[in-house]
Amino acid sequence: YATLGADAFTGDPVDASLGAVEQLVVTDLDGDGDDEALVVFEYVPADTIRGAPGDLSSVLLVDATTRASSTVLKSFVDEDLGPEDLPLIERFRILDVADYNGDAIMEVAVHAWYYEGSSVIVFEYDGTDLTEVLAAGCGA
């Protein structure tokens, strides 16, 4: 999963090889008997309020059998950020996987936060991808 996480940042101005899997949730999102994996991959080493150049965070959806993956959420701070720019990293964690609307297909709740705000985003699984269906939060 770490390789898939690093691949999500291909072409972005960060060294994703420094990242690691911070959270892994494996479940059958659509009840078809095949598992999907939700992967939180990040590199945020400093305990800073806003973030620092090179920080990165993402949520991936991975087919546990084929290893095909898609990036659901992604944030990074450009390594070449100038001194006049504000480094800002948004981080993510999977809060819950549940069938909120009773359709026998799981929804995924994700906590997203940065130094001045926080939100919860709910995604619906369509058998292939996760689509945002609800979000609520506060902050600047």
N, C-alpha and C. Protein backbone atom coordinates (compact mmCIF):
# COMPACT_ATOMS: atom_id res chain seq x y z
N TYR A 1 0.81 -1.20 0.00
CA TYR A 1 0.00 0.00 0.00
C TYR A 1 0.86 1.27 0.00
N ALA A 2 2.05 1.19 0.58
CA ALA A 2 2.93 2.35 0.60
C ALA A 2 3.34 2.76 -0.81
N THR A 3 3.59 1.80 -1.68
CA THR A 3 3.95 2.12 -3.06
C THR A 3 2.79 2.82 -3.77
N LEU A 4 1.57 2.33 -3.56
CA LEU A 4 0.40 2.98 -4.17
C LEU A 4 0.23 4.40 -3.63
N GLY A 5 0.50 4.58 -2.33
CA GLY A 5 0.42 5.91 -1.73
C GLY A 5 1.42 6.86 -2.36
N ALA A 6 2.65 6.40 -2.52
CA ALA A 6 3.67 7.25 -3.14
C ALA A 6 3.31 7.55 -4.59
N ASP A 7 2.76 6.57 -5.30
CA ASP A 7 2.38 6.76 -6.70
C ASP A 7 1.31 7.84 -6.86
N ALA A 8 0.48 8.04 -5.84
CA ALA A 8 -0.58 9.05 -5.91
C ALA A 8 0.00 10.46 -6.05
N PHE A 9 1.26 10.64 -5.70
CA PHE A 9 1.89 11.97 -5.76
C PHE A 9 2.87 12.10 -6.93
N THR A 10 2.82 11.16 -7.86
CA THR A 10 3.69 11.23 -9.04
C THR A 10 3.43 12.55 -9.78
N GLY A 11 4.50 13.27 -10.04
CA GLY A 11 4.39 14.55 -10.73
C GLY A 11 4.18 15.73 -9.81
N ASP A 12 3.92 15.49 -8.54
CA ASP A 12 3.75 16.59 -7.59
C ASP A 12 5.11 16.95 -6.98
N PRO A 13 5.30 18.21 -6.57
CA PRO A 13 6.60 18.67 -6.07
C PRO A 13 6.85 18.29 -4.61
N VAL A 14 6.78 16.97 -4.33
CA VAL A 14 7.07 16.43 -3.00
C VAL A 14 7.77 15.08 -3.16
N ASP A 15 8.50 14.68 -2.14
CA ASP A 15 9.16 13.37 -2.14
C ASP A 15 8.26 12.38 -1.41
N ALA A 16 7.37 11.74 -2.15
CA ALA A 16 6.39 10.83 -1.55
C ALA A 16 7.02 9.54 -1.03
N SER A 17 8.27 9.27 -1.40
CA SER A 17 8.92 8.07 -0.87
C SER A 17 9.13 8.17 0.65
N LEU A 18 9.01 9.38 1.19
CA LEU A 18 9.14 9.58 2.65
C LEU A 18 7.84 9.22 3.38
N GLY A 19 6.74 9.10 2.66
CA GLY A 19 5.44 8.84 3.27
C GLY A 19 5.29 7.44 3.80
N ALA A 20 4.24 7.24 4.58
CA ALA A 20 3.95 5.93 5.17
C ALA A 20 2.44 5.76 5.28
N VAL A 21 2.02 4.52 5.36
CA VAL A 21 0.61 4.23 5.59
C VAL A 21 0.31 4.53 7.05
N GLU A 22 -0.60 5.45 7.29
CA GLU A 22 -0.97 5.84 8.65
C GLU A 22 -2.24 5.14 9.12
N GLN A 23 -3.09 4.74 8.17
CA GLN A 23 -4.33 4.05 8.52
C GLN A 23 -4.72 3.15 7.36
N LEU A 24 -5.20 1.96 7.69
CA LEU A 24 -5.65 1.01 6.69
C LEU A 24 -6.95 0.38 7.17
N VAL A 25 -8.00 0.51 6.36
CA VAL A 25 -9.30 -0.08 6.67
C VAL A 25 -9.66 -0.97 5.49
N VAL A 26 -9.80 -2.27 5.74
CA VAL A 26 -10.15 -3.22 4.70
C VAL A 26 -11.56 -3.72 4.98
N THR A 27 -12.43 -3.59 3.98
CA THR A 27 -13.83 -3.98 4.14
C THR A 27 -14.45 -4.22 2.77
N ASP A 28 -15.59 -4.86 2.74
CA ASP A 28 -16.34 -5.07 1.50
C ASP A 28 -17.37 -3.95 1.41
N LEU A 29 -17.07 -2.93 0.65
CA LEU A 29 -17.93 -1.74 0.60
C LEU A 29 -19.28 -1.99 -0.06
N ASP A 30 -19.33 -2.88 -1.04
CA ASP A 30 -20.58 -3.07 -1.78
C ASP A 30 -21.22 -4.44 -1.62
N GLY A 31 -20.70 -5.27 -0.72
CA GLY A 31 -21.32 -6.56 -0.43
C GLY A 31 -21.17 -7.60 -1.51
N ASP A 32 -20.17 -7.43 -2.40
CA ASP A 32 -19.99 -8.39 -3.48
C ASP A 32 -19.02 -9.51 -3.14
N GLY A 33 -18.51 -9.53 -1.92
CA GLY A 33 -17.58 -10.57 -1.50
C GLY A 33 -16.12 -10.23 -1.73
N ASP A 34 -15.84 -9.14 -2.43
CA ASP A 34 -14.47 -8.70 -2.67
C ASP A 34 -14.17 -7.48 -1.81
N ASP A 35 -13.02 -7.50 -1.15
CA ASP A 35 -12.66 -6.41 -0.25
C ASP A 35 -12.06 -5.22 -0.99
N GLU A 36 -12.34 -4.05 -0.44
CA GLU A 36 -11.69 -2.81 -0.84
C GLU A 36 -10.88 -2.32 0.37
N ALA A 37 -9.83 -1.58 0.09
CA ALA A 37 -9.01 -1.02 1.17
C ALA A 37 -9.06 0.50 1.08
N LEU A 38 -9.21 1.13 2.21
CA LEU A 38 -9.11 2.58 2.34
C LEU A 38 -7.77 2.84 3.02
N VAL A 39 -6.93 3.61 2.36
CA VAL A 39 -5.56 3.82 2.82
C VAL A 39 -5.33 5.30 3.05
N VAL A 40 -4.89 5.65 4.26
CA VAL A 40 -4.42 7.01 4.54
C VAL A 40 -2.90 6.95 4.49
N PHE A 41 -2.33 7.71 3.57
CA PHE A 41 -0.89 7.74 3.35
C PHE A 41 -0.43 9.17 3.58
N GLU A 42 0.60 9.35 4.41
CA GLU A 42 1.05 10.72 4.66
C GLU A 42 2.50 10.80 5.10
N TYR A 43 3.00 12.01 4.98
CA TYR A 43 4.30 12.39 5.52
C TYR A 43 4.12 13.78 6.12
N VAL A 44 4.02 13.84 7.42
CA VAL A 44 3.90 15.10 8.16
C VAL A 44 4.76 14.93 9.42
N PRO A 45 6.09 15.05 9.28
CA PRO A 45 6.97 14.73 10.39
C PRO A 45 7.05 15.78 11.49
N ALA A 46 6.91 17.03 11.12
CA ALA A 46 7.06 18.09 12.12
C ALA A 46 5.74 18.34 12.82
N ASP A 47 5.81 18.66 14.08
CA ASP A 47 4.61 18.99 14.82
C ASP A 47 4.36 20.49 14.67
N THR A 48 4.01 20.87 13.45
CA THR A 48 3.75 22.27 13.18
C THR A 48 2.24 22.50 13.11
N ILE A 49 1.85 23.73 13.26
CA ILE A 49 0.43 24.05 13.22
C ILE A 49 -0.10 23.98 11.79
N ARG A 50 0.62 24.56 10.84
CA ARG A 50 0.12 24.67 9.47
C ARG A 50 0.65 23.59 8.54
N GLY A 51 1.86 23.19 8.70
CA GLY A 51 2.52 22.29 7.77
C GLY A 51 3.86 22.86 7.37
N ALA A 52 4.60 22.09 6.60
CA ALA A 52 5.92 22.49 6.16
C ALA A 52 6.13 21.99 4.74
N PRO A 53 7.03 22.62 3.99
CA PRO A 53 7.32 22.16 2.65
C PRO A 53 7.67 20.67 2.64
N GLY A 54 7.04 19.93 1.72
CA GLY A 54 7.26 18.49 1.61
C GLY A 54 6.21 17.64 2.29
N ASP A 55 5.37 18.25 3.14
CA ASP A 55 4.30 17.48 3.79
C ASP A 55 3.30 17.00 2.75
N LEU A 56 2.73 15.83 2.98
CA LEU A 56 1.73 15.28 2.08
C LEU A 56 0.77 14.38 2.83
N SER A 57 -0.46 14.28 2.33
CA SER A 57 -1.47 13.44 2.94
C SER A 57 -2.49 13.04 1.87
N SER A 58 -2.98 11.81 1.94
CA SER A 58 -3.95 11.36 0.95
C SER A 58 -4.82 10.24 1.50
N VAL A 59 -5.95 10.04 0.84
CA VAL A 59 -6.82 8.89 1.06
C VAL A 59 -6.94 8.18 -0.28
N LEU A 60 -6.66 6.89 -0.28
CA LEU A 60 -6.75 6.09 -1.49
C LEU A 60 -7.83 5.02 -1.33
N LEU A 61 -8.46 4.67 -2.43
CA LEU A 61 -9.36 3.53 -2.50
C LEU A 61 -8.64 2.48 -3.33
N VAL A 62 -8.47 1.28 -2.76
CA VAL A 62 -7.70 0.23 -3.42
C VAL A 62 -8.54 -1.04 -3.49
N ASP A 63 -8.60 -1.65 -4.68
CA ASP A 63 -9.20 -2.97 -4.81
C ASP A 63 -8.21 -3.95 -4.18
N ALA A 64 -8.62 -4.62 -3.11
CA ALA A 64 -7.70 -5.47 -2.36
C ALA A 64 -7.21 -6.67 -3.17
N THR A 65 -7.93 -7.07 -4.21
CA THR A 65 -7.53 -8.20 -5.03
C THR A 65 -6.60 -7.78 -6.15
N THR A 66 -7.02 -6.79 -6.93
CA THR A 66 -6.23 -6.39 -8.11
C THR A 66 -5.19 -5.32 -7.81
N ARG A 67 -5.32 -4.64 -6.68
CA ARG A 67 -4.45 -3.52 -6.27
C ARG A 67 -4.66 -2.28 -7.13
N ALA A 68 -5.72 -2.24 -7.95
CA ALA A 68 -6.05 -1.02 -8.69
C ALA A 68 -6.44 0.03 -7.66
N SER A 69 -5.96 1.27 -7.86
CA SER A 69 -6.23 2.29 -6.86
C SER A 69 -6.66 3.60 -7.49
N SER A 70 -7.37 4.39 -6.70
CA SER A 70 -7.73 5.74 -7.09
C SER A 70 -7.52 6.65 -5.88
N THR A 71 -7.20 7.90 -6.16
CA THR A 71 -6.98 8.87 -5.10
C THR A 71 -8.29 9.57 -4.81
N VAL A 72 -8.74 9.47 -3.57
CA VAL A 72 -10.00 10.07 -3.14
C VAL A 72 -9.77 11.51 -2.69
N LEU A 73 -8.76 11.72 -1.85
CA LEU A 73 -8.40 13.05 -1.34
C LEU A 73 -6.89 13.16 -1.33
N LYS A 74 -6.38 14.38 -1.57
CA LYS A 74 -4.93 14.57 -1.58
C LYS A 74 -4.61 16.01 -1.22
N SER A 75 -3.56 16.18 -0.41
CA SER A 75 -3.06 17.50 -0.05
C SER A 75 -1.54 17.41 0.08
N PHE A 76 -0.86 18.47 -0.34
CA PHE A 76 0.59 18.51 -0.16
C PHE A 76 1.06 19.96 -0.10
N VAL A 77 2.24 20.14 0.47
CA VAL A 77 2.88 21.45 0.51
C VAL A 77 4.10 21.36 -0.40
N ASP A 78 4.12 22.21 -1.42
CA ASP A 78 5.20 22.24 -2.40
C ASP A 78 6.55 22.37 -1.70
N GLU A 79 7.49 21.48 -2.06
CA GLU A 79 8.83 21.54 -1.46
C GLU A 79 9.56 22.83 -1.80
N ASP A 80 9.19 23.46 -2.90
CA ASP A 80 9.84 24.69 -3.35
C ASP A 80 9.09 25.94 -2.92
N LEU A 81 8.29 25.82 -1.89
CA LEU A 81 7.49 26.94 -1.41
C LEU A 81 8.40 28.10 -1.00
N GLY A 82 8.05 29.28 -1.42
CA GLY A 82 8.84 30.46 -1.09
C GLY A 82 8.55 30.96 0.32
N PRO A 83 9.42 31.79 0.88
CA PRO A 83 9.25 32.28 2.25
C PRO A 83 8.01 33.15 2.42
N GLU A 84 7.51 33.73 1.33
CA GLU A 84 6.31 34.57 1.42
C GLU A 84 5.02 33.74 1.34
N ASP A 85 5.14 32.45 1.01
CA ASP A 85 3.98 31.58 0.89
C ASP A 85 3.65 30.90 2.22
N LEU A 86 2.39 30.60 2.40
CA LEU A 86 1.92 29.96 3.63
C LEU A 86 1.84 28.45 3.42
N PRO A 87 2.65 27.66 4.16
CA PRO A 87 2.54 26.21 4.03
C PRO A 87 1.25 25.74 4.71
N LEU A 88 0.45 24.96 4.00
CA LEU A 88 -0.81 24.50 4.55
C LEU A 88 -1.05 23.06 4.14
N ILE A 89 -1.11 22.17 5.11
CA ILE A 89 -1.38 20.76 4.84
C ILE A 89 -2.74 20.39 5.42
N GLU A 90 -3.53 19.70 4.64
CA GLU A 90 -4.79 19.14 5.12
C GLU A 90 -4.53 17.65 5.36
N ARG A 91 -4.96 17.16 6.51
CA ARG A 91 -4.73 15.76 6.87
C ARG A 91 -6.06 15.03 6.92
N PHE A 92 -6.00 13.69 6.83
CA PHE A 92 -7.21 12.88 6.72
C PHE A 92 -7.14 11.63 7.60
N ARG A 93 -8.30 11.20 8.09
CA ARG A 93 -8.45 9.92 8.77
C ARG A 93 -9.83 9.37 8.46
N ILE A 94 -9.90 8.05 8.29
CA ILE A 94 -11.18 7.38 8.10
C ILE A 94 -11.86 7.31 9.46
N LEU A 95 -13.07 7.85 9.56
CA LEU A 95 -13.81 7.81 10.82
C LEU A 95 -14.70 6.59 10.94
N ASP A 96 -15.36 6.22 9.82
CA ASP A 96 -16.37 5.18 9.90
C ASP A 96 -16.67 4.64 8.51
N VAL A 97 -17.04 3.40 8.45
CA VAL A 97 -17.58 2.78 7.25
C VAL A 97 -18.89 2.14 7.69
N ALA A 98 -20.00 2.62 7.13
CA ALA A 98 -21.32 2.14 7.54
C ALA A 98 -22.32 2.40 6.42
N ASP A 99 -23.44 1.68 6.49
CA ASP A 99 -24.52 1.90 5.53
C ASP A 99 -25.47 2.94 6.12
N TYR A 100 -25.18 4.20 5.90
CA TYR A 100 -25.96 5.28 6.49
C TYR A 100 -27.36 5.42 5.90
N ASN A 101 -27.51 5.10 4.61
CA ASN A 101 -28.81 5.34 3.97
C ASN A 101 -29.62 4.05 3.72
N GLY A 102 -29.15 2.91 4.19
CA GLY A 102 -29.91 1.67 4.12
C GLY A 102 -30.00 1.03 2.76
N ASP A 103 -29.06 1.33 1.84
CA ASP A 103 -29.12 0.75 0.50
C ASP A 103 -28.24 -0.49 0.33
N ALA A 104 -27.70 -1.02 1.42
CA ALA A 104 -26.83 -2.21 1.44
C ALA A 104 -25.45 -1.95 0.84
N ILE A 105 -25.13 -0.69 0.61
CA ILE A 105 -23.80 -0.30 0.17
C ILE A 105 -23.23 0.68 1.19
N MET A 106 -22.00 0.42 1.59
CA MET A 106 -21.40 1.22 2.65
C MET A 106 -21.03 2.63 2.18
N GLU A 107 -21.16 3.57 3.09
CA GLU A 107 -20.63 4.91 2.90
C GLU A 107 -19.37 5.03 3.77
N VAL A 108 -18.53 5.98 3.43
CA VAL A 108 -17.27 6.19 4.14
C VAL A 108 -17.24 7.61 4.68
N ALA A 109 -17.02 7.75 5.98
CA ALA A 109 -16.89 9.07 6.60
C ALA A 109 -15.41 9.34 6.85
N VAL A 110 -14.96 10.50 6.38
CA VAL A 110 -13.56 10.89 6.50
C VAL A 110 -13.47 12.20 7.29
N HIS A 111 -12.55 12.24 8.26
CA HIS A 111 -12.25 13.48 8.97
C HIS A 111 -11.12 14.16 8.21
N ALA A 112 -11.33 15.41 7.84
CA ALA A 112 -10.30 16.22 7.18
C ALA A 112 -10.06 17.45 8.04
N TRP A 113 -8.79 17.77 8.28
CA TRP A 113 -8.51 18.94 9.10
C TRP A 113 -7.22 19.63 8.68
N TYR A 114 -7.17 20.89 9.02
CA TYR A 114 -5.97 21.71 8.85
C TYR A 114 -5.94 22.66 10.04
N TYR A 115 -4.98 23.56 10.08
CA TYR A 115 -4.75 24.32 11.31
C TYR A 115 -5.90 25.20 11.75
N GLU A 116 -6.77 25.64 10.86
CA GLU A 116 -7.87 26.52 11.24
C GLU A 116 -9.24 25.90 11.05
N GLY A 117 -9.30 24.63 10.73
CA GLY A 117 -10.61 24.07 10.47
C GLY A 117 -10.63 22.56 10.44
N SER A 118 -11.84 22.06 10.44
CA SER A 118 -12.06 20.63 10.45
C SER A 118 -13.38 20.33 9.76
N SER A 119 -13.47 19.18 9.12
CA SER A 119 -14.71 18.79 8.48
C SER A 119 -14.85 17.28 8.48
N VAL A 120 -16.06 16.84 8.23
CA VAL A 120 -16.35 15.44 7.99
C VAL A 120 -16.96 15.36 6.60
N ILE A 121 -16.43 14.46 5.80
CA ILE A 121 -16.89 14.28 4.42
C ILE A 121 -17.41 12.85 4.30
N VAL A 122 -18.61 12.69 3.76
CA VAL A 122 -19.19 11.37 3.56
C VAL A 122 -19.15 11.05 2.07
N PHE A 123 -18.63 9.87 1.75
CA PHE A 123 -18.53 9.40 0.38
C PHE A 123 -19.42 8.17 0.20
N GLU A 124 -19.97 8.05 -1.01
CA GLU A 124 -20.78 6.89 -1.37
C GLU A 124 -19.98 6.07 -2.38
N TYR A 125 -20.04 4.76 -2.23
CA TYR A 125 -19.31 3.86 -3.13
C TYR A 125 -20.25 3.38 -4.22
N ASP A 126 -19.79 3.45 -5.49
CA ASP A 126 -20.65 3.03 -6.60
C ASP A 126 -20.19 1.72 -7.24
N GLY A 127 -19.30 1.00 -6.56
CA GLY A 127 -18.76 -0.24 -7.10
C GLY A 127 -17.40 -0.04 -7.73
N THR A 128 -17.04 1.20 -7.98
CA THR A 128 -15.75 1.52 -8.57
C THR A 128 -15.06 2.67 -7.85
N ASP A 129 -15.80 3.74 -7.61
CA ASP A 129 -15.21 4.96 -7.05
C ASP A 129 -16.01 5.43 -5.83
N LEU A 130 -15.40 6.32 -5.08
CA LEU A 130 -16.07 7.01 -3.99
C LEU A 130 -16.44 8.41 -4.46
N THR A 131 -17.69 8.80 -4.22
CA THR A 131 -18.18 10.10 -4.62
C THR A 131 -18.66 10.85 -3.38
N GLU A 132 -18.22 12.09 -3.22
CA GLU A 132 -18.65 12.90 -2.08
C GLU A 132 -20.15 13.18 -2.17
N VAL A 133 -20.87 12.87 -1.08
CA VAL A 133 -22.31 13.13 -1.05
C VAL A 133 -22.73 14.10 0.06
N LEU A 134 -21.83 14.32 1.02
CA LEU A 134 -22.16 15.21 2.13
C LEU A 134 -20.86 15.69 2.77
N ALA A 135 -20.84 16.95 3.16
CA ALA A 135 -19.70 17.50 3.88
C ALA A 135 -20.18 18.58 4.83
N ALA A 136 -19.59 18.61 6.01
CA ALA A 136 -19.89 19.65 6.99
C ALA A 136 -18.62 19.94 7.75
N GLY A 137 -18.40 21.22 8.04
CA GLY A 137 -17.20 21.58 8.77
C GLY A 137 -17.23 23.01 9.20
N CYS A 138 -16.15 23.43 9.82
CA CYS A 138 -16.01 24.81 10.24
C CYS A 138 -14.55 25.20 10.16
N GLY A 139 -14.31 26.50 10.05
CA GLY A 139 -12.96 27.01 9.97
C GLY A 139 -12.83 28.02 8.87
N ALA A 140 -11.67 28.57 8.75
CA ALA A 140 -11.43 29.61 7.75
C ALA A 140 -11.29 29.00 6.37
